[in-house]
Amino acid sequence: MKIYNRLLNTIRRKGAAYLILIDPDKYKEKKLASFVKHCEKSGVDGFLAGGSILMSNHFEDCIRTLKQNTTLPVIIFPGNINQLNPLADAVLFLSVISGRNPEDLIGKHVISAPVIKNYGIEPIPTGYIIIDSGTLTTAQYMSGSLPLPGDKPELAAATALAGEYLGMKFIYLEAGSGANNPVPDIIIKGVSSYCSIPVIVGGGIKDPSIARAKVLSGASVVVTGNFFEDEDNWYLVKEFAQAIHKNIPMEV
């Protein structure tokens, strides 16, 4: 559990961890290499790689480019069982516990588990909860799952607790890529106060102040994604990192 323990240590030391999600379809190799180097210098704690659907065959190239240009953890964020690669350090072993689709609860896992074992990459069991974000997201569509309401923290908390009791190591609260609205603070507070495992929050986070609010509401890990596909936003990576790392004094 090398990467899992590294994430826990980062959370304890910095107050929260900051991960950036890389969509293999959206980055050319040269651009990706420059971006990850910039991220490492700016205080990012690791990378997720993957997506709900991929339109290209660049997944392996993406993982290789990440590993060649950063010493930070590279963790697969799998949208399907084809998004596995032995070059990665770990994989979020996601179970969509907010839905009732058996394939996303256990079916795909039975197929992928032997592959993960043979590849020797570290699985991190993660309960994935899709939260309504005001629009139909790719994650919601591809999983065939209704999102949990954004104004029902008790429902999200009960679902997350069930995931914890099933042995999940993280709870991932997902608004979805390009979401109109990020996961509401009331949902994060409800889940983090009811469960004892760390909470990851991602989707629709486009401002460092919003990222900070998620951490203050109880998020242990914050994920940003397509916001940084625009190179004009790269200068904000450091501000995001400083906002998320609540235990580290912010530079003036």
C-alpha atoms as a PDB file:
ATOM      1  CA  MET A   1       0.000   0.000   0.000  1.00  0.00           C
ATOM      2  CA  LYS A   2       2.845   2.352  -0.846  1.00  0.00           C
ATOM      3  CA  ILE A   3       0.831   4.989  -2.750  1.00  0.00           C
ATOM      4  CA  TYR A   4      -2.155   4.781  -0.407  1.00  0.00           C
ATOM      5  CA  ASN A   5       0.120   5.388   2.580  1.00  0.00           C
ATOM      6  CA  ARG A   6       1.885   8.206   0.742  1.00  0.00           C
ATOM      7  CA  LEU A   7      -1.477   9.916   0.185  1.00  0.00           C
ATOM      8  CA  LEU A   8      -2.397   9.496   3.862  1.00  0.00           C
ATOM      9  CA  ASN A   9       0.949  10.973   4.909  1.00  0.00           C
ATOM     10  CA  THR A  10       0.418  13.930   2.582  1.00  0.00           C
ATOM     11  CA  ILE A  11      -3.037  14.524   4.021  1.00  0.00           C
ATOM     12  CA  ARG A  12      -1.686  14.460   7.567  1.00  0.00           C
ATOM     13  CA  ARG A  13       1.256  16.706   6.768  1.00  0.00           C
ATOM     14  CA  LYS A  14      -0.395  19.264   4.485  1.00  0.00           C
ATOM     15  CA  GLY A  15      -3.993  19.108   5.689  1.00  0.00           C
ATOM     16  CA  ALA A  16      -5.201  17.861   2.302  1.00  0.00           C
ATOM     17  CA  ALA A  17      -3.739  16.503  -0.932  1.00  0.00           C
ATOM     18  CA  TYR A  18      -4.028  17.985  -4.408  1.00  0.00           C
ATOM     19  CA  LEU A  19      -4.326  15.723  -7.448  1.00  0.00           C
ATOM     20  CA  ILE A  20      -4.724  16.750 -11.078  1.00  0.00           C
ATOM     21  CA  LEU A  21      -6.729  14.563 -13.431  1.00  0.00           C
ATOM     22  CA  ILE A  22      -5.259  14.100 -16.901  1.00  0.00           C
ATOM     23  CA  ASP A  23      -7.547  13.160 -19.791  1.00  0.00           C
ATOM     24  CA  PRO A  24      -5.349  11.262 -22.293  1.00  0.00           C
ATOM     25  CA  ASP A  25      -7.463  12.585 -25.176  1.00  0.00           C
ATOM     26  CA  LYS A  26      -6.741  16.227 -24.352  1.00  0.00           C
ATOM     27  CA  TYR A  27      -2.957  16.465 -24.056  1.00  0.00           C
ATOM     28  CA  LYS A  28      -0.233  16.125 -26.668  1.00  0.00           C
ATOM     29  CA  GLU A  29       3.002  14.539 -25.382  1.00  0.00           C
ATOM     30  CA  LYS A  30       5.107  17.725 -25.429  1.00  0.00           C
ATOM     31  CA  LYS A  31       2.385  19.807 -23.803  1.00  0.00           C
ATOM     32  CA  LEU A  32       1.766  17.151 -21.158  1.00  0.00           C
ATOM     33  CA  ALA A  33       5.470  16.901 -20.312  1.00  0.00           C
ATOM     34  CA  SER A  34       5.671  20.664 -19.777  1.00  0.00           C
ATOM     35  CA  PHE A  35       2.479  20.710 -17.747  1.00  0.00           C
ATOM     36  CA  VAL A  36       3.444  17.949 -15.302  1.00  0.00           C
ATOM     37  CA  LYS A  37       6.843  19.504 -14.674  1.00  0.00           C
ATOM     38  CA  HIS A  38       5.118  22.800 -13.948  1.00  0.00           C
ATOM     39  CA  CYS A  39       2.686  21.028 -11.599  1.00  0.00           C
ATOM     40  CA  GLU A  40       5.444  19.325  -9.633  1.00  0.00           C
ATOM     41  CA  LYS A  41       7.235  22.650  -9.128  1.00  0.00           C
ATOM     42  CA  SER A  42       3.938  24.255  -8.103  1.00  0.00           C
ATOM     43  CA  GLY A  43       3.144  21.862  -5.240  1.00  0.00           C
ATOM     44  CA  VAL A  44       0.812  19.288  -6.783  1.00  0.00           C
ATOM     45  CA  ASP A  45       0.853  15.943  -4.925  1.00  0.00           C
ATOM     46  CA  GLY A  46       0.099  13.514  -7.744  1.00  0.00           C
ATOM     47  CA  PHE A  47      -1.766  12.773 -10.944  1.00  0.00           C
ATOM     48  CA  LEU A  48      -4.843  10.807 -11.916  1.00  0.00           C
ATOM     49  CA  ALA A  49      -5.032   9.563 -15.491  1.00  0.00           C
ATOM     50  CA  GLY A  50      -8.117   8.354 -17.322  1.00  0.00           C
ATOM     51  CA  GLY A  51     -11.674   9.300 -18.105  1.00  0.00           C
ATOM     52  CA  SER A  52     -15.225   8.070 -18.483  1.00  0.00           C
ATOM     53  CA  ILE A  53     -14.683   7.559 -22.203  1.00  0.00           C
ATOM     54  CA  LEU A  54     -11.565   7.745 -24.384  1.00  0.00           C
ATOM     55  CA  MET A  55     -11.706   8.541 -28.097  1.00  0.00           C
ATOM     56  CA  SER A  56      -8.049   7.809 -28.820  1.00  0.00           C
ATOM     57  CA  ASN A  57      -5.427   5.127 -28.158  1.00  0.00           C
ATOM     58  CA  HIS A  58      -3.160   7.529 -26.239  1.00  0.00           C
ATOM     59  CA  PHE A  59      -3.713   6.061 -22.788  1.00  0.00           C
ATOM     60  CA  GLU A  60      -0.412   4.156 -22.581  1.00  0.00           C
ATOM     61  CA  ASP A  61       1.460   7.111 -24.089  1.00  0.00           C
ATOM     62  CA  CYS A  62      -0.096   9.362 -21.460  1.00  0.00           C
ATOM     63  CA  ILE A  63       0.997   7.121 -18.584  1.00  0.00           C
ATOM     64  CA  ARG A  64       4.499   6.823 -20.024  1.00  0.00           C
ATOM     65  CA  THR A  65       4.844  10.586 -20.463  1.00  0.00           C
ATOM     66  CA  LEU A  66       3.697  11.161 -16.894  1.00  0.00           C
ATOM     67  CA  LYS A  67       6.169   8.641 -15.487  1.00  0.00           C
ATOM     68  CA  GLN A  68       9.044  10.060 -17.541  1.00  0.00           C
ATOM     69  CA  ASN A  69       8.459  13.640 -16.428  1.00  0.00           C
ATOM     70  CA  THR A  70       7.498  13.489 -12.764  1.00  0.00           C
ATOM     71  CA  THR A  71       8.439  11.714  -9.558  1.00  0.00           C
ATOM     72  CA  LEU A  72       4.910  12.212  -8.213  1.00  0.00           C
ATOM     73  CA  PRO A  73       2.472   9.276  -8.000  1.00  0.00           C
ATOM     74  CA  VAL A  74       0.643   8.386 -11.204  1.00  0.00           C
ATOM     75  CA  ILE A  75      -2.696   6.815 -10.360  1.00  0.00           C
ATOM     76  CA  ILE A  76      -5.133   5.413 -12.913  1.00  0.00           C
ATOM     77  CA  PHE A  77      -8.664   6.801 -12.719  1.00  0.00           C
ATOM     78  CA  PRO A  78     -10.338   4.113 -14.822  1.00  0.00           C
ATOM     79  CA  GLY A  79     -13.431   4.761 -16.875  1.00  0.00           C
ATOM     80  CA  ASN A  80     -13.451   1.137 -18.031  1.00  0.00           C
ATOM     81  CA  ILE A  81     -11.447  -2.067 -17.769  1.00  0.00           C
ATOM     82  CA  ASN A  82      -9.301  -1.112 -20.763  1.00  0.00           C
ATOM     83  CA  GLN A  83      -7.722   1.752 -18.828  1.00  0.00           C
ATOM     84  CA  LEU A  84      -5.052  -0.268 -17.054  1.00  0.00           C
ATOM     85  CA  ASN A  85      -1.311  -0.129 -17.581  1.00  0.00           C
ATOM     86  CA  PRO A  86       1.656  -1.633 -15.704  1.00  0.00           C
ATOM     87  CA  LEU A  87       3.625   1.635 -15.904  1.00  0.00           C
ATOM     88  CA  ALA A  88       1.264   3.309 -13.419  1.00  0.00           C
ATOM     89  CA  ASP A  89       1.916   3.316  -9.680  1.00  0.00           C
ATOM     90  CA  ALA A  90      -1.640   2.580  -8.572  1.00  0.00           C
ATOM     91  CA  VAL A  91      -5.258   2.437  -9.674  1.00  0.00           C
ATOM     92  CA  LEU A  92      -8.363   3.715  -7.949  1.00  0.00           C
ATOM     93  CA  PHE A  93     -10.391   0.484  -7.763  1.00  0.00           C
ATOM     94  CA  LEU A  94     -13.686   2.307  -8.189  1.00  0.00           C
ATOM     95  CA  SER A  95     -17.082   0.959  -7.243  1.00  0.00           C
ATOM     96  CA  VAL A  96     -20.026   3.212  -8.135  1.00  0.00           C
ATOM     97  CA  ILE A  97     -21.832   2.823  -4.831  1.00  0.00           C
ATOM     98  CA  SER A  98     -24.268   5.640  -5.596  1.00  0.00           C
ATOM     99  CA  GLY A  99     -25.740   3.562  -8.416  1.00  0.00           C
ATOM    100  CA  ARG A 100     -27.412   0.201  -8.770  1.00  0.00           C
ATOM    101  CA  ASN A 101     -25.687  -1.011 -11.924  1.00  0.00           C
ATOM    102  CA  PRO A 102     -24.114  -4.370 -10.952  1.00  0.00           C
ATOM    103  CA  GLU A 103     -21.399  -4.034 -13.603  1.00  0.00           C
ATOM    104  CA  ASP A 104     -20.084  -0.862 -11.947  1.00  0.00           C
ATOM    105  CA  LEU A 105     -20.519  -2.285  -8.455  1.00  0.00           C
ATOM    106  CA  ILE A 106     -18.662  -5.582  -8.978  1.00  0.00           C
ATOM    107  CA  GLY A 107     -18.935  -6.933 -12.527  1.00  0.00           C
ATOM    108  CA  LYS A 108     -16.051  -5.056 -14.181  1.00  0.00           C
ATOM    109  CA  HIS A 109     -13.960  -5.554 -11.056  1.00  0.00           C
ATOM    110  CA  VAL A 110     -13.960  -9.344 -11.421  1.00  0.00           C
ATOM    111  CA  ILE A 111     -12.537  -8.970 -14.936  1.00  0.00           C
ATOM    112  CA  SER A 112      -9.968  -6.324 -14.053  1.00  0.00           C
ATOM    113  CA  ALA A 113      -8.709  -7.709 -10.725  1.00  0.00           C
ATOM    114  CA  PRO A 114      -6.450 -10.431 -12.235  1.00  0.00           C
ATOM    115  CA  VAL A 115      -5.030  -7.887 -14.705  1.00  0.00           C
ATOM    116  CA  ILE A 116      -4.183  -5.496 -11.890  1.00  0.00           C
ATOM    117  CA  LYS A 117      -2.527  -8.313  -9.951  1.00  0.00           C
ATOM    118  CA  ASN A 118      -0.484  -9.425 -12.959  1.00  0.00           C
ATOM    119  CA  TYR A 119       0.586  -5.844 -13.701  1.00  0.00           C
ATOM    120  CA  GLY A 120       1.730  -5.384 -10.112  1.00  0.00           C
ATOM    121  CA  ILE A 121       0.053  -1.991  -9.697  1.00  0.00           C
ATOM    122  CA  GLU A 122      -1.433  -1.036  -6.360  1.00  0.00           C
ATOM    123  CA  PRO A 123      -5.255  -1.123  -6.120  1.00  0.00           C
ATOM    124  CA  ILE A 124      -6.864   1.479  -3.861  1.00  0.00           C
ATOM    125  CA  PRO A 125     -10.496   0.489  -3.132  1.00  0.00           C
ATOM    126  CA  THR A 126     -12.607   3.613  -3.602  1.00  0.00           C
ATOM    127  CA  GLY A 127     -16.335   4.169  -3.184  1.00  0.00           C
ATOM    128  CA  TYR A 128     -17.475   6.419  -6.038  1.00  0.00           C
ATOM    129  CA  ILE A 129     -20.506   8.612  -5.405  1.00  0.00           C
ATOM    130  CA  ILE A 130     -21.925  10.752  -8.206  1.00  0.00           C
ATOM    131  CA  ILE A 131     -23.567  13.957  -6.977  1.00  0.00           C
ATOM    132  CA  ASP A 132     -26.047  15.955  -9.047  1.00  0.00           C
ATOM    133  CA  SER A 133     -24.233  18.909 -10.627  1.00  0.00           C
ATOM    134  CA  GLY A 134     -26.992  20.529 -12.612  1.00  0.00           C
ATOM    135  CA  THR A 135     -26.181  18.775 -15.881  1.00  0.00           C
ATOM    136  CA  LEU A 136     -25.909  15.270 -17.325  1.00  0.00           C
ATOM    137  CA  THR A 137     -22.216  14.381 -16.984  1.00  0.00           C
ATOM    138  CA  THR A 138     -20.292  11.711 -18.875  1.00  0.00           C
ATOM    139  CA  ALA A 139     -19.679   9.786 -15.644  1.00  0.00           C
ATOM    140  CA  GLN A 140     -23.397   9.708 -14.931  1.00  0.00           C
ATOM    141  CA  TYR A 141     -24.319   8.673 -18.470  1.00  0.00           C
ATOM    142  CA  MET A 142     -21.655   5.981 -18.825  1.00  0.00           C
ATOM    143  CA  SER A 143     -22.446   4.409 -15.433  1.00  0.00           C
ATOM    144  CA  GLY A 144     -26.191   4.464 -16.039  1.00  0.00           C
ATOM    145  CA  SER A 145     -26.617   5.826 -12.520  1.00  0.00           C
ATOM    146  CA  LEU A 146     -28.861   8.470 -11.082  1.00  0.00           C
ATOM    147  CA  PRO A 147     -26.793  11.028  -9.165  1.00  0.00           C
ATOM    148  CA  LEU A 148     -27.501  11.627  -5.498  1.00  0.00           C
ATOM    149  CA  PRO A 149     -29.308  14.917  -4.810  1.00  0.00           C
ATOM    150  CA  GLY A 150     -27.060  17.820  -3.847  1.00  0.00           C
ATOM    151  CA  ASP A 151     -29.340  18.785  -0.982  1.00  0.00           C
ATOM    152  CA  LYS A 152     -29.532  15.389   0.756  1.00  0.00           C
ATOM    153  CA  PRO A 153     -26.356  15.101   2.883  1.00  0.00           C
ATOM    154  CA  GLU A 154     -27.881  12.341   4.987  1.00  0.00           C
ATOM    155  CA  LEU A 155     -28.314  10.150   1.895  1.00  0.00           C
ATOM    156  CA  ALA A 156     -24.744  10.778   0.762  1.00  0.00           C
ATOM    157  CA  ALA A 157     -23.445  10.114   4.286  1.00  0.00           C
ATOM    158  CA  ALA A 158     -25.304   6.809   4.587  1.00  0.00           C
ATOM    159  CA  THR A 159     -24.067   5.712   1.167  1.00  0.00           C
ATOM    160  CA  ALA A 160     -20.486   6.643   2.026  1.00  0.00           C
ATOM    161  CA  LEU A 161     -20.678   4.837   5.358  1.00  0.00           C
ATOM    162  CA  ALA A 162     -21.855   1.702   3.570  1.00  0.00           C
ATOM    163  CA  GLY A 163     -18.794   2.015   1.339  1.00  0.00           C
ATOM    164  CA  GLU A 164     -16.544   2.350   4.375  1.00  0.00           C
ATOM    165  CA  TYR A 165     -18.096  -0.739   5.972  1.00  0.00           C
ATOM    166  CA  LEU A 166     -17.518  -2.639   2.714  1.00  0.00           C
ATOM    167  CA  GLY A 167     -13.809  -1.908   3.065  1.00  0.00           C
ATOM    168  CA  MET A 168     -13.303   1.133   0.836  1.00  0.00           C
ATOM    169  CA  LYS A 169     -10.178   3.192   1.592  1.00  0.00           C
ATOM    170  CA  PHE A 170     -11.496   6.433   0.088  1.00  0.00           C
ATOM    171  CA  ILE A 171     -14.856   7.969  -0.754  1.00  0.00           C
ATOM    172  CA  TYR A 172     -14.833   9.904  -4.019  1.00  0.00           C
ATOM    173  CA  LEU A 173     -17.573  12.547  -4.310  1.00  0.00           C
ATOM    174  CA  GLU A 174     -17.875  13.319  -8.018  1.00  0.00           C
ATOM    175  CA  ALA A 175     -19.738  16.180  -9.674  1.00  0.00           C
ATOM    176  CA  GLY A 176     -18.361  15.198 -13.082  1.00  0.00           C
ATOM    177  CA  SER A 177     -15.984  16.660 -15.624  1.00  0.00           C
ATOM    178  CA  GLY A 178     -17.118  20.125 -16.687  1.00  0.00           C
ATOM    179  CA  ALA A 179     -19.895  20.132 -14.098  1.00  0.00           C
ATOM    180  CA  ASN A 180     -22.017  23.263 -13.807  1.00  0.00           C
ATOM    181  CA  ASN A 181     -21.716  23.083 -10.037  1.00  0.00           C
ATOM    182  CA  PRO A 182     -19.099  21.410  -7.808  1.00  0.00           C
ATOM    183  CA  VAL A 183     -20.077  19.038  -5.009  1.00  0.00           C
ATOM    184  CA  PRO A 184     -21.960  21.185  -2.451  1.00  0.00           C
ATOM    185  CA  ASP A 185     -20.163  21.912   0.811  1.00  0.00           C
ATOM    186  CA  ILE A 186     -23.125  20.541   2.773  1.00  0.00           C
ATOM    187  CA  ILE A 187     -22.618  17.140   1.113  1.00  0.00           C
ATOM    188  CA  ILE A 188     -18.891  17.136   1.888  1.00  0.00           C
ATOM    189  CA  LYS A 189     -19.533  18.108   5.513  1.00  0.00           C
ATOM    190  CA  GLY A 190     -22.180  15.427   5.887  1.00  0.00           C
ATOM    191  CA  VAL A 191     -19.983  12.653   4.495  1.00  0.00           C
ATOM    192  CA  SER A 192     -16.689  13.655   6.156  1.00  0.00           C
ATOM    193  CA  SER A 193     -18.300  14.062   9.575  1.00  0.00           C
ATOM    194  CA  TYR A 194     -20.075  10.691   9.356  1.00  0.00           C
ATOM    195  CA  CYS A 195     -17.258   8.553   7.956  1.00  0.00           C
ATOM    196  CA  SER A 196     -13.733   7.918   9.207  1.00  0.00           C
ATOM    197  CA  ILE A 197     -12.065   7.414   5.806  1.00  0.00           C
ATOM    198  CA  PRO A 198     -10.716  10.280   3.659  1.00  0.00           C
ATOM    199  CA  VAL A 199     -13.005  12.025   1.205  1.00  0.00           C
ATOM    200  CA  ILE A 200     -11.918  12.921  -2.342  1.00  0.00           C
ATOM    201  CA  VAL A 201     -13.842  15.713  -4.083  1.00  0.00           C
ATOM    202  CA  GLY A 202     -13.724  16.452  -7.804  1.00  0.00           C
ATOM    203  CA  GLY A 203     -15.646  18.037 -10.651  1.00  0.00           C
ATOM    204  CA  GLY A 204     -16.422  21.660 -11.437  1.00  0.00           C
ATOM    205  CA  ILE A 205     -13.717  23.174  -9.208  1.00  0.00           C
ATOM    206  CA  LYS A 206     -12.453  26.158 -11.199  1.00  0.00           C
ATOM    207  CA  ASP A 207     -11.182  28.598  -8.588  1.00  0.00           C
ATOM    208  CA  PRO A 208      -8.687  28.257  -5.698  1.00  0.00           C
ATOM    209  CA  SER A 209     -11.207  29.756  -3.277  1.00  0.00           C
ATOM    210  CA  ILE A 210     -13.694  27.015  -4.178  1.00  0.00           C
ATOM    211  CA  ALA A 211     -10.984  24.392  -3.650  1.00  0.00           C
ATOM    212  CA  ARG A 212     -10.228  25.905  -0.241  1.00  0.00           C
ATOM    213  CA  ALA A 213     -13.914  25.765   0.702  1.00  0.00           C
ATOM    214  CA  LYS A 214     -14.023  22.057  -0.136  1.00  0.00           C
ATOM    215  CA  VAL A 215     -11.075  21.386   2.171  1.00  0.00           C
ATOM    216  CA  LEU A 216     -12.576  23.444   4.988  1.00  0.00           C
ATOM    217  CA  SER A 217     -15.798  21.462   4.536  1.00  0.00           C
ATOM    218  CA  GLY A 218     -13.935  18.194   5.090  1.00  0.00           C
ATOM    219  CA  ALA A 219     -12.346  17.129   1.796  1.00  0.00           C
ATOM    220  CA  SER A 220      -9.037  15.309   2.302  1.00  0.00           C
ATOM    221  CA  VAL A 221      -8.180  15.269  -1.399  1.00  0.00           C
ATOM    222  CA  VAL A 222      -9.205  17.798  -4.061  1.00  0.00           C
ATOM    223  CA  VAL A 223      -9.080  16.951  -7.770  1.00  0.00           C
ATOM    224  CA  THR A 224      -9.105  19.420 -10.651  1.00  0.00           C
ATOM    225  CA  GLY A 225      -9.234  18.360 -14.269  1.00  0.00           C
ATOM    226  CA  ASN A 226     -10.277  20.020 -17.494  1.00  0.00           C
ATOM    227  CA  PHE A 227      -9.789  23.542 -16.104  1.00  0.00           C
ATOM    228  CA  PHE A 228      -6.087  23.184 -16.885  1.00  0.00           C
ATOM    229  CA  GLU A 229      -6.573  21.962 -20.431  1.00  0.00           C
ATOM    230  CA  ASP A 230      -6.420  25.694 -21.213  1.00  0.00           C
ATOM    231  CA  GLU A 231      -2.761  26.715 -20.955  1.00  0.00           C
ATOM    232  CA  ASP A 232      -3.835  30.225 -19.951  1.00  0.00           C
ATOM    233  CA  ASN A 233      -4.881  28.752 -16.594  1.00  0.00           C
ATOM    234  CA  TRP A 234      -1.604  27.014 -15.778  1.00  0.00           C
ATOM    235  CA  TYR A 235      -0.375  29.940 -13.683  1.00  0.00           C
ATOM    236  CA  LEU A 236      -3.116  29.114 -11.161  1.00  0.00           C
ATOM    237  CA  VAL A 237      -1.790  25.637 -10.306  1.00  0.00           C
ATOM    238  CA  LYS A 238       0.330  26.992  -7.462  1.00  0.00           C
ATOM    239  CA  GLU A 239      -2.596  29.003  -6.083  1.00  0.00           C
ATOM    240  CA  PHE A 240      -4.738  25.877  -6.072  1.00  0.00           C
ATOM    241  CA  ALA A 241      -2.024  23.926  -4.260  1.00  0.00           C
ATOM    242  CA  GLN A 242      -1.609  26.639  -1.628  1.00  0.00           C
ATOM    243  CA  ALA A 243      -5.367  26.890  -1.119  1.00  0.00           C
ATOM    244  CA  ILE A 244      -5.726  23.131  -0.656  1.00  0.00           C
ATOM    245  CA  HIS A 245      -2.713  22.644   1.643  1.00  0.00           C
ATOM    246  CA  LYS A 246      -4.381  24.214   4.672  1.00  0.00           C
ATOM    247  CA  ASN A 247      -1.596  23.197   7.107  1.00  0.00           C
ATOM    248  CA  ILE A 248       1.055  25.054   5.128  1.00  0.00           C
ATOM    249  CA  PRO A 249       1.179  28.878   5.385  1.00  0.00           C
ATOM    250  CA  MET A 250       0.286  30.466   2.078  1.00  0.00           C
ATOM    251  CA  GLU A 251       2.998  32.490   0.348  1.00  0.00           C
ATOM    252  CA  VAL A 252       2.243  36.182   0.020  1.00  0.00           C
END
